[in-house]
């Protein structure tokens, strides 16, 4: 890989992580729509990070946007099938906050 490409990848990774940290702070402050927007920006910079998709899935569950949550959790698992949080979030989405089956 040429040095300029390595620098660009490193810059993109750093920017995506900055966005994730901002999204995490918004999530902790119960600003779920803002968190979703920031996780989306992180995903636009780095589509191959399962954490961003899983975190956005969890934010969607907080807004009861279960269809979007299922899509994001599924994508996180596709990217990294061993990422347990994505699996847990996906399971959580499927059964909902109160254990009601939401998706067959």
PDB file of N, CA and C in Angstrom:
ATOM      1  N   UNK A   1       0.849  -1.175   0.000  1.00  0.00           N
ATOM      2  CA  UNK A   1       0.000   0.000   0.000  1.00  0.00           C
ATOM      3  C   UNK A   1       0.895   1.238   0.000  1.00  0.00           C
ATOM      4  N   UNK A   2       0.627   2.183  -0.883  1.00  0.00           N
ATOM      5  CA  UNK A   2       1.444   3.401  -0.928  1.00  0.00           C
ATOM      6  C   UNK A   2       1.305   4.194   0.372  1.00  0.00           C
ATOM      7  N   UNK A   3       2.375   4.906   0.776  1.00  0.00           N
ATOM      8  CA  UNK A   3       2.331   5.676   2.022  1.00  0.00           C
ATOM      9  C   UNK A   3       1.162   6.650   2.103  1.00  0.00           C
ATOM     10  N   UNK A   4       0.808   7.293   1.000  1.00  0.00           N
ATOM     11  CA  UNK A   4      -0.291   8.258   1.037  1.00  0.00           C
ATOM     12  C   UNK A   4      -1.611   7.564   1.352  1.00  0.00           C
ATOM     13  N   UNK A   5      -1.788   6.337   0.877  1.00  0.00           N
ATOM     14  CA  UNK A   5      -3.008   5.584   1.145  1.00  0.00           C
ATOM     15  C   UNK A   5      -3.057   5.156   2.616  1.00  0.00           C
ATOM     16  N   UNK A   6      -1.916   4.768   3.187  1.00  0.00           N
ATOM     17  CA  UNK A   6      -1.845   4.401   4.598  1.00  0.00           C
ATOM     18  C   UNK A   6      -2.222   5.596   5.469  1.00  0.00           C
ATOM     19  N   UNK A   7      -1.715   6.774   5.123  1.00  0.00           N
ATOM     20  CA  UNK A   7      -2.027   7.989   5.873  1.00  0.00           C
ATOM     21  C   UNK A   7      -3.514   8.296   5.791  1.00  0.00           C
ATOM     22  N   UNK A   8      -4.088   8.155   4.604  1.00  0.00           N
ATOM     23  CA  UNK A   8      -5.521   8.409   4.428  1.00  0.00           C
ATOM     24  C   UNK A   8      -6.340   7.431   5.255  1.00  0.00           C
ATOM     25  N   UNK A   9      -5.977   6.146   5.237  1.00  0.00           N
ATOM     26  CA  UNK A   9      -6.700   5.151   6.028  1.00  0.00           C
ATOM     27  C   UNK A   9      -6.604   5.451   7.514  1.00  0.00           C
ATOM     28  N   UNK A  10      -5.432   5.856   7.970  1.00  0.00           N
ATOM     29  CA  UNK A  10      -5.228   6.199   9.366  1.00  0.00           C
ATOM     30  C   UNK A  10      -6.062   7.418   9.761  1.00  0.00           C
ATOM     31  N   UNK A  11      -6.100   8.406   8.886  1.00  0.00           N
ATOM     32  CA  UNK A  11      -6.901   9.608   9.130  1.00  0.00           C
ATOM     33  C   UNK A  11      -8.380   9.259   9.187  1.00  0.00           C
ATOM     34  N   UNK A  12      -8.834   8.421   8.258  1.00  0.00           N
ATOM     35  CA  UNK A  12     -10.241   8.002   8.247  1.00  0.00           C
ATOM     36  C   UNK A  12     -10.599   7.241   9.507  1.00  0.00           C
ATOM     37  N   UNK A  13      -9.717   6.341   9.933  1.00  0.00           N
ATOM     38  CA  UNK A  13      -9.972   5.568  11.147  1.00  0.00           C
ATOM     39  C   UNK A  13     -10.065   6.491  12.351  1.00  0.00           C
ATOM     40  N   UNK A  14      -9.162   7.449  12.444  1.00  0.00           N
ATOM     41  CA  UNK A  14      -9.178   8.404  13.557  1.00  0.00           C
ATOM     42  C   UNK A  14     -10.455   9.224  13.552  1.00  0.00           C
ATOM     43  N   UNK A  15     -10.865   9.695  12.390  1.00  0.00           N
ATOM     44  CA  UNK A  15     -12.083  10.504  12.282  1.00  0.00           C
ATOM     45  C   UNK A  15     -13.309   9.672  12.655  1.00  0.00           C
ATOM     46  N   UNK A  16     -13.363   8.448  12.187  1.00  0.00           N
ATOM     47  CA  UNK A  16     -14.489   7.574  12.522  1.00  0.00           C
ATOM     48  C   UNK A  16     -14.551   7.321  14.031  1.00  0.00           C
ATOM     49  N   UNK A  17     -13.397   7.111  14.647  1.00  0.00           N
ATOM     50  CA  UNK A  17     -13.367   6.890  16.100  1.00  0.00           C
ATOM     51  C   UNK A  17     -13.804   8.141  16.867  1.00  0.00           C
ATOM     52  N   UNK A  18     -13.401   9.314  16.386  1.00  0.00           N
ATOM     53  CA  UNK A  18     -13.846  10.568  17.009  1.00  0.00           C
ATOM     54  C   UNK A  18     -15.364  10.670  16.951  1.00  0.00           C
ATOM     55  N   UNK A  19     -15.929  10.354  15.794  1.00  0.00           N
ATOM     56  CA  UNK A  19     -17.382  10.400  15.632  1.00  0.00           C
ATOM     57  C   UNK A  19     -18.066   9.396  16.547  1.00  0.00           C
ATOM     58  N   UNK A  20     -17.486   8.204  16.676  1.00  0.00           N
ATOM     59  CA  UNK A  20     -18.051   7.186  17.568  1.00  0.00           C
ATOM     60  C   UNK A  20     -18.056   7.683  19.011  1.00  0.00           C
ATOM     61  N   UNK A  21     -16.958   8.312  19.444  1.00  0.00           N
ATOM     62  CA  UNK A  21     -16.890   8.825  20.811  1.00  0.00           C
ATOM     63  C   UNK A  21     -17.946   9.902  21.053  1.00  0.00           C
ATOM     64  N   UNK A  22     -18.135  10.781  20.074  1.00  0.00           N
ATOM     65  CA  UNK A  22     -19.190  11.798  20.188  1.00  0.00           C
ATOM     66  C   UNK A  22     -20.565  11.141  20.236  1.00  0.00           C
ATOM     67  N   UNK A  23     -20.756  10.112  19.421  1.00  0.00           N
ATOM     68  CA  UNK A  23     -22.031   9.385  19.416  1.00  0.00           C
ATOM     69  C   UNK A  23     -22.262   8.711  20.760  1.00  0.00           C
ATOM     70  N   UNK A  24     -21.215   8.120  21.324  1.00  0.00           N
ATOM     71  CA  UNK A  24     -21.347   7.475  22.637  1.00  0.00           C
ATOM     72  C   UNK A  24     -21.780   8.480  23.700  1.00  0.00           C
ATOM     73  N   UNK A  25     -21.204   9.674  23.637  1.00  0.00           N
ATOM     74  CA  UNK A  25     -21.580  10.719  24.605  1.00  0.00           C
ATOM     75  C   UNK A  25     -23.044  11.121  24.417  1.00  0.00           C
ATOM     76  N   UNK A  26     -23.471  11.281  23.179  1.00  0.00           N
ATOM     77  CA  UNK A  26     -24.874  11.614  22.913  1.00  0.00           C
ATOM     78  C   UNK A  26     -25.782  10.505  23.431  1.00  0.00           C
ATOM     79  N   UNK A  27     -25.394   9.252  23.207  1.00  0.00           N
ATOM     80  CA  UNK A  27     -26.183   8.118  23.687  1.00  0.00           C
ATOM     81  C   UNK A  27     -26.311   8.164  25.203  1.00  0.00           C
ATOM     82  N   UNK A  28     -25.185   8.384  25.895  1.00  0.00           N
ATOM     83  CA  UNK A  28     -25.204   8.445  27.363  1.00  0.00           C
ATOM     84  C   UNK A  28     -26.103   9.564  27.868  1.00  0.00           C
ATOM     85  N   UNK A  29     -26.221  10.631  27.081  1.00  0.00           N
ATOM     86  CA  UNK A  29     -27.074  11.769  27.444  1.00  0.00           C
ATOM     87  C   UNK A  29     -28.525  11.558  26.983  1.00  0.00           C
ATOM     88  N   UNK A  30     -28.832  10.357  26.512  1.00  0.00           N
ATOM     89  CA  UNK A  30     -30.170   9.994  26.028  1.00  0.00           C
ATOM     90  C   UNK A  30     -30.588  10.793  24.802  1.00  0.00           C
ATOM     91  N   UNK A  31     -29.616  11.270  24.045  1.00  0.00           N
ATOM     92  CA  UNK A  31     -29.868  11.977  22.785  1.00  0.00           C
ATOM     93  C   UNK A  31     -29.695  10.964  21.653  1.00  0.00           C
ATOM     94  N   UNK A  32     -30.664  10.066  21.553  1.00  0.00           N
ATOM     95  CA  UNK A  32     -30.526   8.909  20.669  1.00  0.00           C
ATOM     96  C   UNK A  32     -30.528   9.285  19.183  1.00  0.00           C
ATOM     97  N   UNK A  33     -31.323  10.255  18.791  1.00  0.00           N
ATOM     98  CA  UNK A  33     -31.322  10.686  17.382  1.00  0.00           C
ATOM     99  C   UNK A  33     -29.973  11.272  17.002  1.00  0.00           C
ATOM    100  N   UNK A  34     -29.409  12.076  17.888  1.00  0.00           N
ATOM    101  CA  UNK A  34     -28.083  12.643  17.631  1.00  0.00           C
ATOM    102  C   UNK A  34     -27.044  11.527  17.569  1.00  0.00           C
ATOM    103  N   UNK A  35     -27.140  10.554  18.455  1.00  0.00           N
ATOM    104  CA  UNK A  35     -26.208   9.428  18.450  1.00  0.00           C
ATOM    105  C   UNK A  35     -26.300   8.673  17.128  1.00  0.00           C
ATOM    106  N   UNK A  36     -27.513   8.440  16.652  1.00  0.00           N
ATOM    107  CA  UNK A  36     -27.698   7.743  15.377  1.00  0.00           C
ATOM    108  C   UNK A  36     -27.039   8.523  14.249  1.00  0.00           C
ATOM    109  N   UNK A  37     -27.227   9.834  14.239  1.00  0.00           N
ATOM    110  CA  UNK A  37     -26.606  10.671  13.200  1.00  0.00           C
ATOM    111  C   UNK A  37     -25.080  10.561  13.231  1.00  0.00           C
ATOM    112  N   UNK A  38     -24.518  10.580  14.430  1.00  0.00           N
ATOM    113  CA  UNK A  38     -23.059  10.509  14.552  1.00  0.00           C
ATOM    114  C   UNK A  38     -22.524   9.117  14.210  1.00  0.00           C
ATOM    115  N   UNK A  39     -23.231   8.067  14.625  1.00  0.00           N
ATOM    116  CA  UNK A  39     -22.811   6.714  14.225  1.00  0.00           C
ATOM    117  C   UNK A  39     -22.908   6.567  12.707  1.00  0.00           C
ATOM    118  N   UNK A  40     -23.921   7.176  12.117  1.00  0.00           N
ATOM    119  CA  UNK A  40     -24.061   7.139  10.660  1.00  0.00           C
ATOM    120  C   UNK A  40     -22.859   7.801   9.990  1.00  0.00           C
ATOM    121  N   UNK A  41     -22.429   8.931  10.528  1.00  0.00           N
ATOM    122  CA  UNK A  41     -21.249   9.599   9.971  1.00  0.00           C
ATOM    123  C   UNK A  41     -20.005   8.717  10.104  1.00  0.00           C
ATOM    124  N   UNK A  42     -19.865   8.039  11.239  1.00  0.00           N
ATOM    125  CA  UNK A  42     -18.729   7.132  11.436  1.00  0.00           C
ATOM    126  C   UNK A  42     -18.781   5.993  10.420  1.00  0.00           C
ATOM    127  N   UNK A  43     -19.975   5.469  10.171  1.00  0.00           N
ATOM    128  CA  UNK A  43     -20.153   4.389   9.202  1.00  0.00           C
ATOM    129  C   UNK A  43     -19.805   4.875   7.799  1.00  0.00           C
ATOM    130  N   UNK A  44     -20.169   6.102   7.476  1.00  0.00           N
ATOM    131  CA  UNK A  44     -19.837   6.647   6.160  1.00  0.00           C
ATOM    132  C   UNK A  44     -18.328   6.731   5.950  1.00  0.00           C
ATOM    133  N   UNK A  45     -17.584   6.940   7.033  1.00  0.00           N
ATOM    134  CA  UNK A  45     -16.124   7.012   6.954  1.00  0.00           C
ATOM    135  C   UNK A  45     -15.517   5.604   6.927  1.00  0.00           C
ATOM    136  N   UNK A  46     -16.106   4.682   7.704  1.00  0.00           N
ATOM    137  CA  UNK A  46     -15.577   3.315   7.799  1.00  0.00           C
ATOM    138  C   UNK A  46     -16.733   2.333   7.903  1.00  0.00           C
ATOM    139  N   UNK A  47     -17.164   1.817   6.770  1.00  0.00           N
ATOM    140  CA  UNK A  47     -18.310   0.909   6.705  1.00  0.00           C
ATOM    141  C   UNK A  47     -18.013  -0.489   7.248  1.00  0.00           C
ATOM    142  N   UNK A  48     -16.745  -0.796   7.495  1.00  0.00           N
ATOM    143  CA  UNK A  48     -16.348  -2.148   7.872  1.00  0.00           C
ATOM    144  C   UNK A  48     -16.103  -2.332   9.366  1.00  0.00           C
ATOM    145  N   UNK A  49     -16.633  -1.446  10.189  1.00  0.00           N
ATOM    146  CA  UNK A  49     -16.452  -1.558  11.628  1.00  0.00           C
ATOM    147  C   UNK A  49     -17.774  -2.007  12.257  1.00  0.00           C
ATOM    148  N   UNK A  50     -17.820  -3.239  12.734  1.00  0.00           N
ATOM    149  CA  UNK A  50     -19.042  -3.804  13.303  1.00  0.00           C
ATOM    150  C   UNK A  50     -19.538  -3.024  14.517  1.00  0.00           C
ATOM    151  N   UNK A  51     -18.633  -2.436  15.266  1.00  0.00           N
ATOM    152  CA  UNK A  51     -19.010  -1.693  16.474  1.00  0.00           C
ATOM    153  C   UNK A  51     -19.937  -0.532  16.132  1.00  0.00           C
ATOM    154  N   UNK A  52     -19.629   0.196  15.071  1.00  0.00           N
ATOM    155  CA  UNK A  52     -20.453   1.350  14.698  1.00  0.00           C
ATOM    156  C   UNK A  52     -21.872   0.900  14.360  1.00  0.00           C
ATOM    157  N   UNK A  53     -21.978  -0.191  13.602  1.00  0.00           N
ATOM    158  CA  UNK A  53     -23.296  -0.707  13.215  1.00  0.00           C
ATOM    159  C   UNK A  53     -24.066  -1.201  14.442  1.00  0.00           C
ATOM    160  N   UNK A  54     -23.389  -1.918  15.340  1.00  0.00           N
ATOM    161  CA  UNK A  54     -24.057  -2.443  16.532  1.00  0.00           C
ATOM    162  C   UNK A  54     -24.493  -1.316  17.466  1.00  0.00           C
ATOM    163  N   UNK A  55     -23.638  -0.319  17.619  1.00  0.00           N
ATOM    164  CA  UNK A  55     -24.007   0.808  18.475  1.00  0.00           C
ATOM    165  C   UNK A  55     -25.205   1.561  17.903  1.00  0.00           C
ATOM    166  N   UNK A  56     -25.207   1.740  16.579  1.00  0.00           N
ATOM    167  CA  UNK A  56     -26.355   2.418  15.970  1.00  0.00           C
ATOM    168  C   UNK A  56     -27.613   1.577  16.120  1.00  0.00           C
ATOM    169  N   UNK A  57     -27.483   0.263  16.018  1.00  0.00           N
ATOM    170  CA  UNK A  57     -28.627  -0.628  16.224  1.00  0.00           C
ATOM    171  C   UNK A  57     -29.210  -0.420  17.619  1.00  0.00           C
ATOM    172  N   UNK A  58     -28.342  -0.362  18.616  1.00  0.00           N
ATOM    173  CA  UNK A  58     -28.812  -0.190  19.987  1.00  0.00           C
ATOM    174  C   UNK A  58     -29.501   1.165  20.165  1.00  0.00           C
ATOM    175  N   UNK A  59     -28.962   2.201  19.546  1.00  0.00           N
ATOM    176  CA  UNK A  59     -29.604   3.521  19.612  1.00  0.00           C
ATOM    177  C   UNK A  59     -30.993   3.476  18.970  1.00  0.00           C
ATOM    178  N   UNK A  60     -31.106   2.750  17.860  1.00  0.00           N
ATOM    179  CA  UNK A  60     -32.421   2.599  17.225  1.00  0.00           C
ATOM    180  C   UNK A  60     -33.418   1.918  18.165  1.00  0.00           C
ATOM    181  N   UNK A  61     -32.964   0.932  18.953  1.00  0.00           N
ATOM    182  CA  UNK A  61     -33.902   0.265  19.877  1.00  0.00           C
ATOM    183  C   UNK A  61     -34.427   1.249  20.913  1.00  0.00           C
ATOM    184  N   UNK A  62     -33.599   2.179  21.319  1.00  0.00           N
ATOM    185  CA  UNK A  62     -34.025   3.166  22.325  1.00  0.00           C
ATOM    186  C   UNK A  62     -35.140   4.060  21.794  1.00  0.00           C
ATOM    187  N   UNK A  63     -35.186   4.231  20.468  1.00  0.00           N
ATOM    188  CA  UNK A  63     -36.255   5.017  19.837  1.00  0.00           C
ATOM    189  C   UNK A  63     -37.370   4.108  19.301  1.00  0.00           C
ATOM    190  N   UNK A  64     -37.282   2.809  19.645  1.00  0.00           N
ATOM    191  CA  UNK A  64     -38.252   1.801  19.207  1.00  0.00           C
ATOM    192  C   UNK A  64     -38.340   1.711  17.688  1.00  0.00           C
ATOM    193  N   UNK A  65     -37.214   1.945  17.036  1.00  0.00           N
ATOM    194  CA  UNK A  65     -37.096   1.812  15.580  1.00  0.00           C
ATOM    195  C   UNK A  65     -36.513   0.427  15.294  1.00  0.00           C
ATOM    196  N   UNK A  66     -37.352  -0.580  15.526  1.00  0.00           N
ATOM    197  CA  UNK A  66     -36.861  -1.951  15.528  1.00  0.00           C
ATOM    198  C   UNK A  66     -36.450  -2.451  14.147  1.00  0.00           C
ATOM    199  N   UNK A  67     -37.111  -2.017  13.097  1.00  0.00           N
ATOM    200  CA  UNK A  67     -36.717  -2.430  11.754  1.00  0.00           C
ATOM    201  C   UNK A  67     -35.307  -1.976  11.431  1.00  0.00           C
ATOM    202  N   UNK A  68     -35.015  -0.712  11.730  1.00  0.00           N
ATOM    203  CA  UNK A  68     -33.662  -0.178  11.494  1.00  0.00           C
ATOM    204  C   UNK A  68     -32.652  -0.874  12.400  1.00  0.00           C
ATOM    205  N   UNK A  69     -33.051  -1.153  13.628  1.00  0.00           N
ATOM    206  CA  UNK A  69     -32.150  -1.833  14.563  1.00  0.00           C
ATOM    207  C   UNK A  69     -31.793  -3.223  14.060  1.00  0.00           C
ATOM    208  N   UNK A  70     -32.769  -3.939  13.545  1.00  0.00           N
ATOM    209  CA  UNK A  70     -32.517  -5.282  13.024  1.00  0.00           C
ATOM    210  C   UNK A  70     -31.564  -5.215  11.836  1.00  0.00           C
ATOM    211  N   UNK A  71     -31.786  -4.253  10.955  1.00  0.00           N
ATOM    212  CA  UNK A  71     -30.902  -4.109   9.789  1.00  0.00           C
ATOM    213  C   UNK A  71     -29.462  -3.839  10.220  1.00  0.00           C
ATOM    214  N   UNK A  72     -29.290  -2.924  11.178  1.00  0.00           N
ATOM    215  CA  UNK A  72     -27.942  -2.572  11.622  1.00  0.00           C
ATOM    216  C   UNK A  72     -27.278  -3.720  12.372  1.00  0.00           C
ATOM    217  N   UNK A  73     -28.026  -4.395  13.240  1.00  0.00           N
ATOM    218  CA  UNK A  73     -27.460  -5.533  13.974  1.00  0.00           C
ATOM    219  C   UNK A  73     -27.063  -6.644  13.007  1.00  0.00           C
ATOM    220  N   UNK A  74     -27.891  -6.868  12.000  1.00  0.00           N
ATOM    221  CA  UNK A  74     -27.582  -7.879  10.989  1.00  0.00           C
ATOM    222  C   UNK A  74     -26.305  -7.520  10.243  1.00  0.00           C
ATOM    223  N   UNK A  75     -26.157  -6.253   9.875  1.00  0.00           N
ATOM    224  CA  UNK A  75     -24.947  -5.801   9.170  1.00  0.00           C
ATOM    225  C   UNK A  75     -23.719  -5.981  10.057  1.00  0.00           C
ATOM    226  N   UNK A  76     -23.846  -5.660  11.336  1.00  0.00           N
ATOM    227  CA  UNK A  76     -22.714  -5.827  12.257  1.00  0.00           C
ATOM    228  C   UNK A  76     -22.282  -7.290  12.313  1.00  0.00           C
ATOM    229  N   UNK A  77     -23.241  -8.184  12.345  1.00  0.00           N
ATOM    230  CA  UNK A  77     -22.927  -9.616  12.388  1.00  0.00           C
ATOM    231  C   UNK A  77     -22.321 -10.080  11.076  1.00  0.00           C
ATOM    232  N   UNK A  78     -22.802  -9.538   9.959  1.00  0.00           N
ATOM    233  CA  UNK A  78     -22.204  -9.872   8.651  1.00  0.00           C
ATOM    234  C   UNK A  78     -20.740  -9.461   8.611  1.00  0.00           C
ATOM    235  N   UNK A  79     -20.435  -8.293   9.143  1.00  0.00           N
ATOM    236  CA  UNK A  79     -19.060  -7.784   9.128  1.00  0.00           C
ATOM    237  C   UNK A  79     -18.178  -8.625  10.047  1.00  0.00           C
ATOM    238  N   UNK A  80     -18.692  -8.925  11.234  1.00  0.00           N
ATOM    239  CA  UNK A  80     -17.896  -9.671  12.212  1.00  0.00           C
ATOM    240  C   UNK A  80     -18.801 -10.626  12.981  1.00  0.00           C
ATOM    241  N   UNK A  81     -18.962 -11.842  12.496  1.00  0.00           N
ATOM    242  CA  UNK A  81     -19.853 -12.808  13.145  1.00  0.00           C
ATOM    243  C   UNK A  81     -19.470 -13.134  14.593  1.00  0.00           C
ATOM    244  N   UNK A  82     -18.236 -12.866  14.969  1.00  0.00           N
ATOM    245  CA  UNK A  82     -17.787 -13.171  16.334  1.00  0.00           C
ATOM    246  C   UNK A  82     -17.987 -12.003  17.297  1.00  0.00           C
ATOM    247  N   UNK A  83     -18.474 -10.886  16.793  1.00  0.00           N
ATOM    248  CA  UNK A  83     -18.667  -9.710  17.651  1.00  0.00           C
ATOM    249  C   UNK A  83     -19.912  -9.945  18.503  1.00  0.00           C
ATOM    250  N   UNK A  84     -19.711 -10.308  19.758  1.00  0.00           N
ATOM    251  CA  UNK A  84     -20.814 -10.758  20.603  1.00  0.00           C
ATOM    252  C   UNK A  84     -21.828  -9.664  20.893  1.00  0.00           C
ATOM    253  N   UNK A  85     -21.392  -8.420  20.979  1.00  0.00           N
ATOM    254  CA  UNK A  85     -22.349  -7.352  21.267  1.00  0.00           C
ATOM    255  C   UNK A  85     -23.369  -7.218  20.143  1.00  0.00           C
ATOM    256  N   UNK A  86     -22.934  -7.390  18.912  1.00  0.00           N
ATOM    257  CA  UNK A  86     -23.862  -7.329  17.786  1.00  0.00           C
ATOM    258  C   UNK A  86     -24.891  -8.441  17.908  1.00  0.00           C
ATOM    259  N   UNK A  87     -24.439  -9.624  18.287  1.00  0.00           N
ATOM    260  CA  UNK A  87     -25.360 -10.745  18.456  1.00  0.00           C
ATOM    261  C   UNK A  87     -26.331 -10.475  19.596  1.00  0.00           C
ATOM    262  N   UNK A  88     -25.818  -9.942  20.684  1.00  0.00           N
ATOM    263  CA  UNK A  88     -26.681  -9.638  21.823  1.00  0.00           C
ATOM    264  C   UNK A  88     -27.672  -8.544  21.443  1.00  0.00           C
ATOM    265  N   UNK A  89     -27.201  -7.487  20.786  1.00  0.00           N
ATOM    266  CA  UNK A  89     -28.104  -6.424  20.366  1.00  0.00           C
ATOM    267  C   UNK A  89     -29.140  -6.969  19.392  1.00  0.00           C
ATOM    268  N   UNK A  90     -28.713  -7.810  18.467  1.00  0.00           N
ATOM    269  CA  UNK A  90     -29.644  -8.400  17.523  1.00  0.00           C
ATOM    270  C   UNK A  90     -30.700  -9.232  18.220  1.00  0.00           C
ATOM    271  N   UNK A  91     -30.287 -10.023  19.204  1.00  0.00           N
ATOM    272  CA  UNK A  91     -31.232 -10.827  19.977  1.00  0.00           C
ATOM    273  C   UNK A  91     -32.190  -9.921  20.730  1.00  0.00           C
ATOM    274  N   UNK A  92     -31.636  -8.884  21.352  1.00  0.00           N
ATOM    275  CA  UNK A  92     -32.441  -7.918  22.097  1.00  0.00           C
ATOM    276  C   UNK A  92     -33.509  -7.305  21.186  1.00  0.00           C
ATOM    277  N   UNK A  93     -33.106  -6.941  19.986  1.00  0.00           N
ATOM    278  CA  UNK A  93     -34.040  -6.353  19.031  1.00  0.00           C
ATOM    279  C   UNK A  93     -35.143  -7.344  18.684  1.00  0.00           C
ATOM    280  N   UNK A  94     -34.759  -8.585  18.437  1.00  0.00           N
ATOM    281  CA  UNK A  94     -35.744  -9.576  18.022  1.00  0.00           C
ATOM    282  C   UNK A  94     -36.805  -9.809  19.081  1.00  0.00           C
ATOM    283  N   UNK A  95     -36.428  -9.712  20.340  1.00  0.00           N
ATOM    284  CA  UNK A  95     -37.377  -9.980  21.398  1.00  0.00           C
ATOM    285  C   UNK A  95     -37.853  -8.730  22.123  1.00  0.00           C
ATOM    286  N   UNK A  96     -37.305  -7.600  21.819  1.00  0.00           N
ATOM    287  CA  UNK A  96     -37.798  -6.341  22.344  1.00  0.00           C
ATOM    288  C   UNK A  96     -37.467  -6.128  23.805  1.00  0.00           C
ATOM    289  N   UNK A  97     -37.794  -4.956  24.270  1.00  0.00           N
ATOM    290  CA  UNK A  97     -37.481  -4.565  25.639  1.00  0.00           C
ATOM    291  C   UNK A  97     -38.269  -5.381  26.660  1.00  0.00           C
ATOM    292  N   UNK A  98     -39.477  -5.771  26.339  1.00  0.00           N
ATOM    293  CA  UNK A  98     -40.331  -6.484  27.288  1.00  0.00           C
ATOM    294  C   UNK A  98     -40.454  -7.972  26.967  1.00  0.00           C
ATOM    295  N   UNK A  99     -39.594  -8.451  26.082  1.00  0.00           N
ATOM    296  CA  UNK A  99     -39.625  -9.859  25.736  1.00  0.00           C
ATOM    297  C   UNK A  99     -40.666 -10.216  24.692  1.00  0.00           C
ATOM    298  N   UNK A 100     -41.313  -9.216  24.096  1.00  0.00           N
ATOM    299  CA  UNK A 100     -42.305  -9.487  23.063  1.00  0.00           C
ATOM    300  C   UNK A 100     -41.597  -9.799  21.751  1.00  0.00           C
ATOM    301  N   UNK A 101     -42.066 -10.822  21.073  1.00  0.00           N
ATOM    302  CA  UNK A 101     -41.477 -11.184  19.787  1.00  0.00           C
ATOM    303  C   UNK A 101     -41.836 -10.124  18.772  1.00  0.00           C
ATOM    304  N   UNK A 102     -40.817  -9.539  18.139  1.00  0.00           N
ATOM    305  CA  UNK A 102     -41.037  -8.448  17.219  1.00  0.00           C
ATOM    306  C   UNK A 102     -40.787  -8.830  15.772  1.00  0.00           C
ATOM    307  N   UNK A 103     -40.065  -9.924  15.565  1.00  0.00           N
ATOM    308  CA  UNK A 103     -39.631 -10.265  14.226  1.00  0.00           C
ATOM    309  C   UNK A 103     -39.527 -11.770  14.109  1.00  0.00           C
ATOM    310  N   UNK A 104     -40.095 -12.337  13.079  1.00  0.00           N
ATOM    311  CA  UNK A 104     -40.000 -13.784  12.872  1.00  0.00           C
ATOM    312  C   UNK A 104     -39.081 -14.088  11.734  1.00  0.00           C
TER     313      UNK A 104
END
